[in-house]
Amino acid sequence: MYGYRAATSLALDAWVKVYNGSLGITLTDTYTTDAFFSSFNLQQAKLFDGVRCDSGDPLTFADKAVRFYEQMRIDPTSKTIVFSDSLDVLRVKEIKSYVRNRIHDTYGIGTFFSNDVGAKPLNIVIKLSHVKADSREGGYLEAIKLSDASGKHTGDIGEIAIAKQTLGIK
């Protein structure tokens, strides 16, 4: 609605206003982790407890997160990465060994990361497809997601191309 370059920063500012410091882990791969870290500013980095790795290579993600916090002069061990993409016990051990206490790490294995109420979970992922925007003809804007795993991009193909071009994503 306000353009892809401003989307992450505006969304994080709105999140802070709504949750007032609670729910302080932010998802980084709405428009790729690289685009996220290029717009995640110092104030936001200090306010949020950490970041969530939900696609792409978790070892590369850990390096990017640690490097980002160091460049912001924030002690990475004071921040958290929640790893949550396609995990099993062996993958968690590999990631844990790689991270080696350079940053606080925690893990969400399987659908129980977001469903721990005892109900049998559905094996689905629900993603936003569009939003109501009265000022536009038709009243809707397409919603997209540019995952760190290119095969996981979702949304209108034309809109994905516009976002990738705007954000300089190959």
Foldseek 3Di string as FASTA:
>chain_A
DPDLLCVLVVVLVVVCVVVVLPPQEEEQFQPHNVSRLVNCDLVSVVSGQEYEAADDDLLVVLVVRLVSCVVSVHQQQSHEYEYEYQDDPVVVVVNCVSNVSSHHYHYDYPPVSPPDPPDDDDPDDDDDAWDAQCVDVVRIDGRWGCGNPNVPTDYDPVVSVVSCVVSVHD
